[in-house]
Amino acid sequence: MKAASVIIGYDPGGNGCHGIARLLVRGGKATGVETMALATTEEVICFIEEQESLVALGVDTLSCWYTGRSSWRPADLWLRERYPAVRNSVVNANALFGSMGLNGMAVLLSARRSHPDALITETHPKVLYHEMTGRKYDYAGCSEAMDDALAGALGVAISPGNDHEWDAGLSAFAALEAFTGRWTNDLLQLPHGAGERRVSPCARTHYYWPK
């Protein structure tokens, strides 16, 4: 029997807080998932390099940059306008902390080298959860309900150990929907303004979002 395809979700973090979800997929459907928190960016890179059947990677980070005012990207401005209740969780590139901008990009660049044909899509778990449920993200107060929502979306049982693993799980779900073609709305295809450009260090990447 052909080996299951692998989809990875990654939530960049600090020491011991790098969330990973490894999703097994057959026929466009998830058949199993495991989550973990790794110690360093190096561990994440090595883990991804070991995935021989990796077809897609969903990461809560910027896969490209724009060169206009405050480095605002059309995708981020679109999210802020569409979801006013959670707009403050979407910030411009200049305001990001190191783990997302540095660790996330390091993983993406390494993954692109080790798996050049894998689909890479950005994710935003906090806004995506709100889009899917109408509720605000609150893993500390509503972990059971959020775990149930994630399991329902994936169609398989999942038991994240913390919010980093949960975010990675939802990022894996977004990558699954992108890989199967069920999501076709790519926010990185939004037009940018005059006097700015997109800089794409990881070659072609996406930001697939539900309609």
C-alpha atoms as a PDB file:
ATOM      1  CA  MET A   1       0.000   0.000   0.000  1.00  0.00           C
ATOM      2  CA  LYS A   2       1.248   3.448  -0.896  1.00  0.00           C
ATOM      3  CA  ALA A   3       2.556   5.392   2.083  1.00  0.00           C
ATOM      4  CA  ALA A   4       0.321   8.124   3.430  1.00  0.00           C
ATOM      5  CA  SER A   5       1.174  11.670   2.485  1.00  0.00           C
ATOM      6  CA  VAL A   6       2.388  13.937   5.273  1.00  0.00           C
ATOM      7  CA  ILE A   7       1.306  17.492   6.001  1.00  0.00           C
ATOM      8  CA  ILE A   8       3.082  19.515   8.669  1.00  0.00           C
ATOM      9  CA  GLY A   9       1.679  22.407  10.630  1.00  0.00           C
ATOM     10  CA  TYR A  10       4.152  24.639  12.458  1.00  0.00           C
ATOM     11  CA  ASP A  11       3.659  27.326  15.081  1.00  0.00           C
ATOM     12  CA  PRO A  12       6.932  29.227  15.646  1.00  0.00           C
ATOM     13  CA  GLY A  13       7.841  29.781  19.274  1.00  0.00           C
ATOM     14  CA  GLY A  14      10.662  30.161  21.748  1.00  0.00           C
ATOM     15  CA  ASN A  15      12.640  27.463  23.526  1.00  0.00           C
ATOM     16  CA  GLY A  16      10.469  24.389  24.035  1.00  0.00           C
ATOM     17  CA  CYS A  17       7.456  26.068  22.438  1.00  0.00           C
ATOM     18  CA  HIS A  18       7.763  25.210  18.759  1.00  0.00           C
ATOM     19  CA  GLY A  19       4.387  23.647  17.998  1.00  0.00           C
ATOM     20  CA  ILE A  20       4.318  20.851  15.429  1.00  0.00           C
ATOM     21  CA  ALA A  21       1.440  18.833  14.018  1.00  0.00           C
ATOM     22  CA  ARG A  22       2.110  15.862  11.710  1.00  0.00           C
ATOM     23  CA  LEU A  23      -0.974  14.997   9.708  1.00  0.00           C
ATOM     24  CA  LEU A  24      -1.275  11.746   7.733  1.00  0.00           C
ATOM     25  CA  VAL A  25      -3.429  11.978   4.624  1.00  0.00           C
ATOM     26  CA  ARG A  26      -4.906   9.448   2.201  1.00  0.00           C
ATOM     27  CA  GLY A  27      -7.294  10.268  -0.605  1.00  0.00           C
ATOM     28  CA  GLY A  28      -7.536  13.887   0.476  1.00  0.00           C
ATOM     29  CA  LYS A  29      -8.666  13.027   4.009  1.00  0.00           C
ATOM     30  CA  ALA A  30      -6.793  13.014   7.300  1.00  0.00           C
ATOM     31  CA  THR A  31      -6.279   9.559   8.759  1.00  0.00           C
ATOM     32  CA  GLY A  32      -4.295  10.488  11.856  1.00  0.00           C
ATOM     33  CA  VAL A  33      -2.455  13.322  13.534  1.00  0.00           C
ATOM     34  CA  GLU A  34       0.143  13.779  16.248  1.00  0.00           C
ATOM     35  CA  THR A  35       1.212  16.997  17.905  1.00  0.00           C
ATOM     36  CA  MET A  36       4.320  17.899  19.851  1.00  0.00           C
ATOM     37  CA  ALA A  37       6.326  20.857  21.101  1.00  0.00           C
ATOM     38  CA  LEU A  38       9.963  20.875  20.025  1.00  0.00           C
ATOM     39  CA  ALA A  39      12.765  22.705  21.769  1.00  0.00           C
ATOM     40  CA  THR A  40      14.483  24.668  19.012  1.00  0.00           C
ATOM     41  CA  THR A  41      14.198  25.770  15.407  1.00  0.00           C
ATOM     42  CA  GLU A  42      16.949  23.272  14.562  1.00  0.00           C
ATOM     43  CA  GLU A  43      14.797  20.421  15.872  1.00  0.00           C
ATOM     44  CA  VAL A  44      11.916  21.608  13.712  1.00  0.00           C
ATOM     45  CA  ILE A  45      14.102  21.774  10.610  1.00  0.00           C
ATOM     46  CA  CYS A  46      15.488  18.281  11.219  1.00  0.00           C
ATOM     47  CA  PHE A  47      12.002  16.894  11.856  1.00  0.00           C
ATOM     48  CA  ILE A  48      10.709  18.301   8.570  1.00  0.00           C
ATOM     49  CA  GLU A  49      13.750  17.025   6.674  1.00  0.00           C
ATOM     50  CA  GLU A  50      12.903  13.501   7.882  1.00  0.00           C
ATOM     51  CA  GLN A  51       9.413  13.567   6.331  1.00  0.00           C
ATOM     52  CA  GLU A  52       9.943  11.728   3.047  1.00  0.00           C
ATOM     53  CA  SER A  53       6.291  11.981   1.979  1.00  0.00           C
ATOM     54  CA  LEU A  54       5.796  15.662   2.847  1.00  0.00           C
ATOM     55  CA  VAL A  55       3.368  17.301   0.415  1.00  0.00           C
ATOM     56  CA  ALA A  56       2.364  20.492   2.221  1.00  0.00           C
ATOM     57  CA  LEU A  57       3.430  22.770   5.040  1.00  0.00           C
ATOM     58  CA  GLY A  58       1.248  25.279   6.867  1.00  0.00           C
ATOM     59  CA  VAL A  59       3.101  27.847   8.976  1.00  0.00           C
ATOM     60  CA  ASP A  60       1.916  30.747  11.110  1.00  0.00           C
ATOM     61  CA  THR A  61       4.478  33.174   9.760  1.00  0.00           C
ATOM     62  CA  LEU A  62       5.154  35.546   6.894  1.00  0.00           C
ATOM     63  CA  SER A  63       6.407  33.716   3.806  1.00  0.00           C
ATOM     64  CA  CYS A  64       7.007  36.956   1.937  1.00  0.00           C
ATOM     65  CA  TRP A  65       7.380  40.643   2.612  1.00  0.00           C
ATOM     66  CA  TYR A  66       6.121  43.860   1.032  1.00  0.00           C
ATOM     67  CA  THR A  67       8.129  47.034   0.725  1.00  0.00           C
ATOM     68  CA  GLY A  68       5.520  49.749   1.319  1.00  0.00           C
ATOM     69  CA  ARG A  69       4.627  51.761   4.413  1.00  0.00           C
ATOM     70  CA  SER A  70       5.216  49.825   7.649  1.00  0.00           C
ATOM     71  CA  SER A  71       5.601  46.728   5.464  1.00  0.00           C
ATOM     72  CA  TRP A  72       1.839  46.223   5.448  1.00  0.00           C
ATOM     73  CA  ARG A  73       0.831  43.372   3.188  1.00  0.00           C
ATOM     74  CA  PRO A  74      -2.445  43.284   1.223  1.00  0.00           C
ATOM     75  CA  ALA A  75      -3.361  39.945   2.837  1.00  0.00           C
ATOM     76  CA  ASP A  76      -3.018  41.327   6.355  1.00  0.00           C
ATOM     77  CA  LEU A  77      -4.983  44.470   5.566  1.00  0.00           C
ATOM     78  CA  TRP A  78      -7.719  42.287   4.042  1.00  0.00           C
ATOM     79  CA  LEU A  79      -7.940  40.181   7.203  1.00  0.00           C
ATOM     80  CA  ARG A  80      -8.108  43.246   9.447  1.00  0.00           C
ATOM     81  CA  GLU A  81     -10.952  44.698   7.404  1.00  0.00           C
ATOM     82  CA  ARG A  82     -12.899  41.445   7.101  1.00  0.00           C
ATOM     83  CA  TYR A  83     -12.642  40.430  10.777  1.00  0.00           C
ATOM     84  CA  PRO A  84     -12.914  43.598  12.893  1.00  0.00           C
ATOM     85  CA  ALA A  85     -13.526  41.651  16.126  1.00  0.00           C
ATOM     86  CA  VAL A  86     -10.022  40.132  15.961  1.00  0.00           C
ATOM     87  CA  ARG A  87      -8.259  42.713  13.808  1.00  0.00           C
ATOM     88  CA  ASN A  88      -5.701  43.512  16.509  1.00  0.00           C
ATOM     89  CA  SER A  89      -4.191  40.047  16.166  1.00  0.00           C
ATOM     90  CA  VAL A  90      -3.136  40.950  12.612  1.00  0.00           C
ATOM     91  CA  VAL A  91      -0.152  43.291  12.606  1.00  0.00           C
ATOM     92  CA  ASN A  92       2.293  44.601  10.067  1.00  0.00           C
ATOM     93  CA  ALA A  93       5.631  42.941   9.511  1.00  0.00           C
ATOM     94  CA  ASN A  94       7.531  45.669  11.351  1.00  0.00           C
ATOM     95  CA  ALA A  95       5.624  44.896  14.564  1.00  0.00           C
ATOM     96  CA  LEU A  96       6.244  41.131  14.660  1.00  0.00           C
ATOM     97  CA  PHE A  97       8.270  39.432  17.375  1.00  0.00           C
ATOM     98  CA  GLY A  98      11.373  37.410  16.552  1.00  0.00           C
ATOM     99  CA  SER A  99      10.010  33.865  16.749  1.00  0.00           C
ATOM    100  CA  MET A 100       7.545  34.388  13.917  1.00  0.00           C
ATOM    101  CA  GLY A 101       9.722  36.463  11.654  1.00  0.00           C
ATOM    102  CA  LEU A 102      13.021  34.674  12.278  1.00  0.00           C
ATOM    103  CA  ASN A 103      12.285  31.092  13.324  1.00  0.00           C
ATOM    104  CA  GLY A 104       9.355  30.825  10.958  1.00  0.00           C
ATOM    105  CA  MET A 105      11.357  32.037   7.981  1.00  0.00           C
ATOM    106  CA  ALA A 106      14.322  29.807   8.875  1.00  0.00           C
ATOM    107  CA  VAL A 107      12.022  26.787   8.808  1.00  0.00           C
ATOM    108  CA  LEU A 108      10.417  27.852   5.528  1.00  0.00           C
ATOM    109  CA  LEU A 109      13.750  28.393   3.787  1.00  0.00           C
ATOM    110  CA  SER A 110      15.061  25.038   4.994  1.00  0.00           C
ATOM    111  CA  ALA A 111      11.831  23.246   4.056  1.00  0.00           C
ATOM    112  CA  ARG A 112      11.938  24.729   0.579  1.00  0.00           C
ATOM    113  CA  ARG A 113      15.440  23.308   0.093  1.00  0.00           C
ATOM    114  CA  SER A 114      14.634  19.842   1.452  1.00  0.00           C
ATOM    115  CA  HIS A 115      11.180  19.567  -0.161  1.00  0.00           C
ATOM    116  CA  PRO A 116      11.166  21.861  -3.214  1.00  0.00           C
ATOM    117  CA  ASP A 117       7.824  20.596  -4.517  1.00  0.00           C
ATOM    118  CA  ALA A 118       5.871  20.851  -1.254  1.00  0.00           C
ATOM    119  CA  LEU A 119       3.039  23.361  -1.100  1.00  0.00           C
ATOM    120  CA  ILE A 120       3.719  26.107   1.440  1.00  0.00           C
ATOM    121  CA  THR A 121       0.863  28.161   2.793  1.00  0.00           C
ATOM    122  CA  GLU A 122       0.758  30.787   5.486  1.00  0.00           C
ATOM    123  CA  THR A 123      -1.792  30.475   8.261  1.00  0.00           C
ATOM    124  CA  HIS A 124      -3.230  32.641  11.016  1.00  0.00           C
ATOM    125  CA  PRO A 125      -4.789  30.301  13.608  1.00  0.00           C
ATOM    126  CA  LYS A 126      -6.321  33.021  15.774  1.00  0.00           C
ATOM    127  CA  VAL A 127      -8.203  34.661  12.928  1.00  0.00           C
ATOM    128  CA  LEU A 128      -8.964  31.350  11.230  1.00  0.00           C
ATOM    129  CA  TYR A 129     -10.552  29.969  14.404  1.00  0.00           C
ATOM    130  CA  HIS A 130     -12.763  33.036  14.559  1.00  0.00           C
ATOM    131  CA  GLU A 131     -13.708  32.630  10.891  1.00  0.00           C
ATOM    132  CA  MET A 132     -14.626  28.978  11.437  1.00  0.00           C
ATOM    133  CA  THR A 133     -16.541  29.319  14.705  1.00  0.00           C
ATOM    134  CA  GLY A 134     -17.466  32.968  15.214  1.00  0.00           C
ATOM    135  CA  ARG A 135     -15.691  32.858  18.579  1.00  0.00           C
ATOM    136  CA  LYS A 136     -12.536  34.553  19.768  1.00  0.00           C
ATOM    137  CA  TYR A 137      -9.442  32.489  20.391  1.00  0.00           C
ATOM    138  CA  ASP A 138      -9.079  31.622  24.085  1.00  0.00           C
ATOM    139  CA  TYR A 139      -7.191  28.391  24.542  1.00  0.00           C
ATOM    140  CA  ALA A 140      -6.480  29.035  28.213  1.00  0.00           C
ATOM    141  CA  GLY A 141     -10.176  29.327  28.999  1.00  0.00           C
ATOM    142  CA  CYS A 142     -11.792  27.134  26.331  1.00  0.00           C
ATOM    143  CA  SER A 143      -9.280  24.430  25.451  1.00  0.00           C
ATOM    144  CA  GLU A 144     -11.840  21.608  25.439  1.00  0.00           C
ATOM    145  CA  ALA A 145     -14.176  23.412  23.058  1.00  0.00           C
ATOM    146  CA  MET A 146     -11.285  24.440  20.826  1.00  0.00           C
ATOM    147  CA  ASP A 147      -9.917  20.874  20.762  1.00  0.00           C
ATOM    148  CA  ASP A 148     -13.365  19.628  19.756  1.00  0.00           C
ATOM    149  CA  ALA A 149     -13.594  22.231  16.981  1.00  0.00           C
ATOM    150  CA  LEU A 150     -10.187  21.246  15.643  1.00  0.00           C
ATOM    151  CA  ALA A 151     -10.985  17.528  15.749  1.00  0.00           C
ATOM    152  CA  GLY A 152     -14.241  18.207  13.936  1.00  0.00           C
ATOM    153  CA  ALA A 153     -12.467  20.148  11.195  1.00  0.00           C
ATOM    154  CA  LEU A 154      -9.799  17.490  10.722  1.00  0.00           C
ATOM    155  CA  GLY A 155     -12.143  14.532  11.048  1.00  0.00           C
ATOM    156  CA  VAL A 156      -9.731  12.717  13.364  1.00  0.00           C
ATOM    157  CA  ALA A 157      -9.100  12.774  17.098  1.00  0.00           C
ATOM    158  CA  ILE A 158      -6.493  15.222  18.316  1.00  0.00           C
ATOM    159  CA  SER A 159      -5.263  16.067  21.811  1.00  0.00           C
ATOM    160  CA  PRO A 160      -2.893  19.058  21.744  1.00  0.00           C
ATOM    161  CA  GLY A 161      -0.780  19.504  24.847  1.00  0.00           C
ATOM    162  CA  ASN A 162      -0.855  23.306  24.708  1.00  0.00           C
ATOM    163  CA  ASP A 163      -1.826  26.259  22.548  1.00  0.00           C
ATOM    164  CA  HIS A 164       1.316  25.967  20.406  1.00  0.00           C
ATOM    165  CA  GLU A 165       0.394  22.433  19.420  1.00  0.00           C
ATOM    166  CA  TRP A 166      -3.207  23.484  18.827  1.00  0.00           C
ATOM    167  CA  ASP A 167      -2.099  26.299  16.524  1.00  0.00           C
ATOM    168  CA  ALA A 168       0.099  23.841  14.640  1.00  0.00           C
ATOM    169  CA  GLY A 169      -2.880  21.510  14.275  1.00  0.00           C
ATOM    170  CA  LEU A 170      -5.043  24.231  12.753  1.00  0.00           C
ATOM    171  CA  SER A 171      -2.155  25.214  10.479  1.00  0.00           C
ATOM    172  CA  ALA A 172      -1.975  21.602   9.284  1.00  0.00           C
ATOM    173  CA  PHE A 173      -5.717  21.720   8.595  1.00  0.00           C
ATOM    174  CA  ALA A 174      -5.308  24.870   6.496  1.00  0.00           C
ATOM    175  CA  ALA A 175      -2.502  23.190   4.539  1.00  0.00           C
ATOM    176  CA  LEU A 176      -4.704  20.126   3.992  1.00  0.00           C
ATOM    177  CA  GLU A 177      -7.541  22.230   2.593  1.00  0.00           C
ATOM    178  CA  ALA A 178      -5.074  24.065   0.354  1.00  0.00           C
ATOM    179  CA  PHE A 179      -3.377  20.887  -0.874  1.00  0.00           C
ATOM    180  CA  THR A 180      -6.660  19.194  -1.763  1.00  0.00           C
ATOM    181  CA  GLY A 181      -7.909  22.259  -3.621  1.00  0.00           C
ATOM    182  CA  ARG A 182     -10.886  22.740  -1.320  1.00  0.00           C
ATOM    183  CA  TRP A 183      -9.611  26.218  -0.525  1.00  0.00           C
ATOM    184  CA  THR A 184      -8.747  28.311  -3.564  1.00  0.00           C
ATOM    185  CA  ASN A 185      -8.783  31.827  -2.124  1.00  0.00           C
ATOM    186  CA  ASP A 186      -5.089  32.760  -2.075  1.00  0.00           C
ATOM    187  CA  LEU A 187      -4.603  36.022  -0.198  1.00  0.00           C
ATOM    188  CA  LEU A 188      -1.125  36.455  -1.641  1.00  0.00           C
ATOM    189  CA  GLN A 189      -2.766  37.052  -5.017  1.00  0.00           C
ATOM    190  CA  LEU A 190      -4.375  40.262  -3.785  1.00  0.00           C
ATOM    191  CA  PRO A 191      -3.012  43.262  -5.715  1.00  0.00           C
ATOM    192  CA  HIS A 192      -0.502  45.480  -3.999  1.00  0.00           C
ATOM    193  CA  GLY A 193      -0.295  49.213  -4.195  1.00  0.00           C
ATOM    194  CA  ALA A 194       1.828  51.405  -6.397  1.00  0.00           C
ATOM    195  CA  GLY A 195       5.332  52.061  -5.134  1.00  0.00           C
ATOM    196  CA  GLU A 196       5.771  48.695  -3.423  1.00  0.00           C
ATOM    197  CA  ARG A 197       6.632  45.142  -4.332  1.00  0.00           C
ATOM    198  CA  ARG A 198       6.518  41.644  -2.906  1.00  0.00           C
ATOM    199  CA  VAL A 199       9.792  40.026  -1.863  1.00  0.00           C
ATOM    200  CA  SER A 200       9.585  36.215  -1.845  1.00  0.00           C
ATOM    201  CA  PRO A 201      12.686  34.512  -0.376  1.00  0.00           C
ATOM    202  CA  CYS A 202      10.981  31.075  -0.403  1.00  0.00           C
ATOM    203  CA  ALA A 203       9.998  31.211  -4.073  1.00  0.00           C
ATOM    204  CA  ARG A 204       6.319  30.443  -4.594  1.00  0.00           C
ATOM    205  CA  THR A 205       4.200  30.425  -1.450  1.00  0.00           C
ATOM    206  CA  HIS A 206       0.511  30.888  -0.746  1.00  0.00           C
ATOM    207  CA  TYR A 207      -1.928  32.100   1.870  1.00  0.00           C
ATOM    208  CA  TYR A 208      -5.021  30.004   1.259  1.00  0.00           C
ATOM    209  CA  TRP A 209      -8.151  31.027   3.097  1.00  0.00           C
ATOM    210  CA  PRO A 210     -11.744  29.761   3.118  1.00  0.00           C
ATOM    211  CA  LYS A 211     -14.163  31.691   0.938  1.00  0.00           C
END
